[in-house]
Protein backbone atom coordinates (compact mmCIF):
# COMPACT_ATOMS: atom_id res chain seq x y z
CA MET A 1 51.14 18.58 29.36
CA GLY A 2 53.55 21.55 28.85
CA PHE A 3 50.94 23.36 26.88
CA ARG A 4 48.35 22.62 29.83
CA ILE A 5 50.83 23.77 32.32
CA PHE A 6 51.36 27.00 30.56
CA ALA A 7 47.80 27.94 30.14
CA HIS A 8 46.56 26.80 33.50
CA ALA A 9 49.29 29.34 34.84
CA LEU A 10 48.19 32.17 32.69
CA GLN A 11 44.21 31.37 33.71
CA LEU A 12 45.43 31.55 37.44
CA VAL A 13 46.20 35.11 36.96
CA LEU A 14 43.36 36.18 34.55
CA SER A 15 40.81 34.41 36.55
CA ASN A 16 42.18 35.91 39.85
CA LEU A 17 42.66 39.30 38.68
CA GLY A 18 41.06 40.77 41.73
CA PRO A 19 43.70 39.03 44.43
CA ALA A 20 46.48 39.43 42.02
CA LEU A 21 46.05 43.37 41.99
CA ASN A 22 45.69 43.32 45.74
CA ILE A 23 48.92 41.29 45.97
CA SER A 24 51.15 42.90 43.48
CA ALA A 25 49.79 46.23 42.41
CA LEU A 26 51.53 48.59 44.98
CA LEU A 27 54.42 46.26 45.65
CA TYR A 28 55.15 46.14 41.75
CA PHE A 29 54.31 49.43 40.53
CA LEU A 30 55.94 51.65 43.27
CA PRO A 31 59.60 50.67 42.53
CA VAL A 32 58.72 51.10 38.69
CA VAL A 33 57.50 54.64 39.48
CA ALA A 34 60.53 55.29 41.48
CA SER A 35 62.92 54.39 39.19
CA GLN A 36 61.50 56.27 36.45
CA ILE A 37 62.10 59.37 38.56
CA ILE A 38 65.51 58.63 39.48
CA VAL A 39 67.08 57.09 36.56
CA PRO A 40 66.01 59.44 33.67
CA PRO A 41 67.84 62.17 35.07
CA LEU A 42 70.93 60.24 35.54
CA LEU A 43 70.80 58.87 31.95
CA GLU A 44 70.47 62.74 30.76
CA LEU A 45 74.03 63.20 32.18
CA ASN A 46 75.64 60.99 29.45
CA ASP A 47 77.63 59.34 32.10
CA PRO A 48 77.03 55.55 32.69
CA ALA A 49 79.28 55.52 35.69
CA ALA A 50 76.72 57.97 37.25
CA LEU A 51 74.19 54.99 37.46
CA LEU A 52 76.67 53.08 39.36
CA ARG A 53 77.82 55.88 41.81
CA SER A 54 74.20 56.71 42.81
CA PRO A 55 72.99 55.25 45.92
CA TRP A 56 69.36 55.65 44.99
CA VAL A 57 69.93 53.29 42.05
CA LEU A 58 70.98 50.63 44.53
CA VAL A 59 68.08 51.23 46.45
CA VAL A 60 65.73 51.14 43.90
CA LEU A 61 67.17 47.81 42.67
CA LEU A 62 67.05 46.05 46.17
CA VAL A 63 63.52 47.45 46.63
CA SER A 64 62.34 45.95 43.36
CA ILE A 65 63.84 42.51 44.12
CA ALA A 66 62.54 42.60 47.62
CA ALA A 67 59.01 43.40 46.26
CA SER A 68 59.00 41.06 43.31
CA MET A 69 59.80 38.30 46.08
CA TRP A 70 57.07 39.43 48.41
CA VAL A 71 54.68 39.04 45.73
CA ALA A 72 55.83 35.72 44.70
CA VAL A 73 55.71 34.28 47.93
CA ALA A 74 52.46 35.81 48.64
CA TRP A 75 51.11 34.51 45.30
CA HIS A 76 52.39 30.75 46.04
CA ARG A 77 50.66 31.11 49.37
CA TYR A 78 47.10 32.39 47.77
CA VAL A 79 47.09 29.70 45.03
CA LEU A 80 48.50 26.68 47.00
CA LEU A 81 46.99 27.67 50.53
CA ASP A 82 43.98 29.95 49.63
CA GLU A 83 45.66 32.43 51.61
CA MET A 84 43.85 35.79 51.08
CA PRO A 85 45.85 39.05 50.65
CA GLY A 86 45.04 42.32 52.44
CA ALA A 87 43.25 45.41 50.80
CA PHE A 88 46.56 46.87 49.30
CA ALA A 89 49.19 44.61 50.15
CA PRO A 90 49.96 40.96 51.33
CA PRO A 91 51.28 40.35 54.57
CA LEU A 92 55.16 40.64 55.13
CA ARG A 93 56.23 37.13 56.23
CA LEU A 94 60.17 37.50 56.48
CA GLY A 95 60.22 34.07 57.78
CA ARG A 96 59.28 32.95 54.27
CA LEU A 97 60.69 35.91 52.35
CA LEU A 98 64.12 35.32 53.76
CA PRO A 99 64.57 31.47 52.83
CA TYR A 100 63.03 32.42 49.55
CA PHE A 101 65.64 34.85 48.67
CA GLY A 102 68.07 32.20 49.75
CA ARG A 103 66.67 29.78 47.41
CA SER A 104 66.43 32.55 44.53
CA LEU A 105 70.29 33.44 45.29
CA LEU A 106 71.22 29.85 45.19
CA LEU A 107 69.33 28.96 41.93
CA GLY A 108 70.89 32.18 40.53
CA MET A 109 74.22 30.66 41.34
CA ILE A 110 73.64 27.60 39.49
CA GLY A 111 72.26 29.39 36.50
CA GLY A 112 75.29 31.52 36.58
CA VAL A 113 77.88 28.44 36.72
CA LEU A 114 75.89 26.65 33.86
CA GLY A 115 75.88 29.86 31.71
CA GLY A 116 79.60 30.38 32.15
CA LEU A 117 80.04 26.56 31.28
CA LEU A 118 78.04 27.45 28.10
CA TYR A 119 80.02 30.36 27.26
CA VAL A 120 83.03 28.32 27.51
CA ALA A 121 81.60 25.63 25.22
CA VAL A 122 80.40 28.03 22.68
CA ALA A 123 83.85 29.61 22.90
CA PHE A 124 85.78 26.42 22.48
CA LEU A 125 83.63 25.36 19.62
CA SER A 126 84.32 28.59 17.85
CA ILE A 127 87.92 28.39 18.07
CA LEU A 128 88.13 25.00 16.72
CA LEU A 129 85.98 26.14 13.57
CA LEU A 130 88.24 28.93 12.93
CA ALA A 131 91.41 26.83 13.31
CA ALA A 132 89.92 24.31 10.62
CA ARG A 133 89.17 27.23 8.55
CA ALA A 134 85.62 26.45 8.32
CA ASN A 135 83.29 28.73 6.41
CA PRO A 136 81.78 31.73 8.29
CA ALA A 137 78.18 30.85 7.72
CA LEU A 138 78.97 27.19 9.07
CA ILE A 139 80.53 28.90 12.45
CA SER A 140 77.57 31.28 12.82
CA LEU A 141 75.23 28.60 12.37
CA ALA A 142 76.98 26.38 15.01
CA PHE A 143 77.52 29.11 17.27
CA ILE A 144 73.63 29.77 17.30
CA ALA A 145 72.71 25.96 17.41
CA VAL A 146 74.94 25.37 20.55
CA ALA A 147 73.88 28.39 22.28
CA PHE A 148 70.13 27.68 21.73
CA ILE A 149 70.64 23.78 22.77
CA GLY A 150 72.36 25.14 25.89
CA LEU A 151 69.92 27.86 27.03
CA PHE A 152 67.14 25.44 26.53
CA ALA A 153 68.85 22.93 28.77
CA ILE A 154 69.52 25.39 31.42
CA ALA A 155 65.87 26.43 31.35
CA ILE A 156 64.95 23.11 31.93
CA ILE A 157 67.17 22.74 34.75
CA ALA A 158 65.78 26.01 36.12
CA TYR A 159 62.31 24.93 36.00
CA ARG A 160 62.73 21.49 37.50
CA LEU A 161 64.74 23.05 40.59
CA SER A 162 62.33 26.40 40.66
CA ILE A 163 59.74 24.00 42.81
CA THR A 164 61.88 24.50 45.44
CA LEU A 165 60.75 28.23 45.75
CA ALA A 166 57.23 27.22 45.97
CA ALA A 167 57.97 24.46 48.60
CA SER A 168 59.66 27.21 50.70
CA ALA A 169 57.03 29.85 50.36
CA VAL A 170 54.44 27.41 51.85
CA GLU A 171 56.63 26.13 54.44
CA ARG A 172 57.04 22.67 53.08
CA PRO A 173 60.70 23.04 52.24
CA ILE A 174 62.36 20.31 49.87
CA SER A 175 66.14 20.07 48.72
CA LEU A 176 67.29 20.47 45.10
CA GLY A 177 67.78 16.66 44.97
CA GLU A 178 63.93 16.06 46.00
CA ALA A 179 62.98 18.59 43.57
CA TRP A 180 64.90 16.97 40.73
CA ALA A 181 63.59 13.71 41.67
CA ALA A 182 60.03 14.89 41.66
CA THR A 183 60.40 16.11 38.06
CA ARG A 184 62.22 12.96 36.84
CA GLY A 185 61.09 11.73 33.42
CA ALA A 186 59.52 15.51 32.82
CA ASN A 187 62.01 17.07 30.50
CA GLY A 188 59.68 16.99 27.47
CA THR A 189 56.74 18.40 29.19
CA ILE A 190 59.09 21.16 31.01
CA GLY A 191 60.91 21.76 27.81
CA LEU A 192 57.70 22.46 25.88
CA LEU A 193 56.94 24.99 28.67
CA ALA A 194 60.31 26.73 28.39
CA LEU A 195 59.65 27.14 24.67
CA LEU A 196 56.45 28.50 25.10
CA SER A 197 57.76 31.04 27.95
CA LEU A 198 60.46 32.03 25.57
CA LEU A 199 57.70 32.38 22.76
CA ALA A 200 55.46 34.85 24.97
CA ILE A 201 58.75 36.79 25.87
CA ALA A 202 59.59 37.25 22.24
CA VAL A 203 55.57 38.38 21.47
CA VAL A 204 56.04 40.85 24.20
CA ALA A 205 59.00 42.38 22.76
CA VAL A 206 57.73 42.39 19.28
CA VAL A 207 54.61 44.26 20.28
CA THR A 208 56.64 46.51 22.34
CA SER A 209 58.71 47.27 19.28
CA ALA A 210 55.58 47.76 17.08
CA LEU A 211 53.78 50.05 19.48
CA ASP A 212 56.87 52.00 19.74
CA ALA A 213 57.26 52.58 16.17
CA TYR A 214 53.85 52.98 15.00
CA VAL A 215 51.96 54.31 18.08
CA GLY A 216 54.66 56.23 20.34
CA VAL A 217 57.19 55.57 22.70
CA TRP A 218 54.54 56.15 25.51
CA ALA A 219 52.39 53.32 24.24
CA GLY A 220 55.38 50.86 24.07
CA ALA A 221 56.37 51.85 27.78
CA LEU A 222 52.80 51.17 28.97
CA TRP A 223 52.44 47.84 27.08
CA GLN A 224 55.77 46.75 28.65
CA LEU A 225 54.74 47.71 32.07
CA PHE A 226 51.38 45.90 31.72
CA ALA A 227 53.15 42.90 30.08
CA SER A 228 56.00 42.67 32.72
CA TRP A 229 53.38 42.60 35.72
CA ILE A 230 51.59 39.82 33.77
CA GLN A 231 54.96 38.12 33.28
CA LEU A 232 55.90 38.23 36.98
CA LEU A 233 52.53 36.62 37.95
CA ALA A 234 52.51 34.12 35.18
CA GLY A 235 56.11 33.19 36.02
CA VAL A 236 55.53 32.49 39.40
CA SER A 237 52.12 30.79 38.57
CA ILE A 238 53.94 28.39 36.65
CA ILE A 239 56.50 27.41 39.29
CA THR A 240 53.27 26.98 41.59
CA THR A 241 51.79 24.73 39.28
CA LEU A 242 54.63 22.81 38.65
CA TYR A 243 55.05 22.31 42.41
CA GLY A 244 51.28 21.38 42.90
CA TYR A 245 51.25 18.83 39.86
CA TYR A 246 54.97 17.03 40.56
CA VAL A 247 54.95 17.32 44.35
CA GLU A 248 51.39 17.56 45.58
CA LYS A 249 49.90 15.53 42.83
CA ARG A 250 47.14 18.15 42.34
CA PRO A 251 45.34 18.06 38.87
CA ILE A 252 45.76 20.60 36.18
CA GLY A 253 42.73 22.37 35.23
C-alpha cells in the first residue's frame, strides 16, 4: 500500500500538469528568481553575517514560505474538492492559509522536539560506548543505526500527523489525536512511504551531483529547480492521498 500511495501521489502531479502549473508556477518560481538576484551578491562578500543582516533575505524567505503554503492549500483543494485555480495563480484564501501555517508550525515544533530527543539519545549512546572503550567502528555503526532508526520513526510520526494539514485546507479540521487514530495500524504502510520519499530525495541529489560534474553547474541548477517543484507538489499530494484514504476512505487509483 505504501508504494501505491507514493505512485498515486506522483500520478496526481503528472496527470494534472496544467492545473499544477496554474497553481504553482508563478508562486514557486518568483521567490526562486528573487533569491537568485539577492543572495549571490551577498555571498560574494565572503561575509556570512551579511546574509543574516540583509532584510531582503528575510523577506525572500518569508515570501517563499507563504507561497509554498499558498500552493499547498490550493493543491489540496484542487484534488479533494475539484476547486479549479485561476489562469496564473489560485485564489488567496487567508481563512485557510493562516490555520494551515499554524498547523505547520505546530508540526515543526513537534519535529524539533523529537529531533532534539534523538540528538540526546545518540549523544548519550556515544558517551556510553566511548566510556566502555568500544571499537571506533562499532561506535560509528551504532551512531548511524540509532540516527537512522530515529529519523525513520520521526518520518512516520510526521506523515501520520500531517493529514491535519489537508483537513485544515478543505475546512474539515481534525485534531492531532484524530489524525493519529485515523492512521492507527498504518505504520508499515507509512514506513514504506517514508523510505520511498527518502530514496526519491537521494536520487535527486545524485542526479544533481552528476549533472554538476559532467554537464555543468547550470544543468544541475535547472534540474534542481525542476525537481524541487515536483517534490513540493508530490509531497503535498502524499499528504492529500493519506487524508483521502484514511479519513475520507477514498480508494487509491
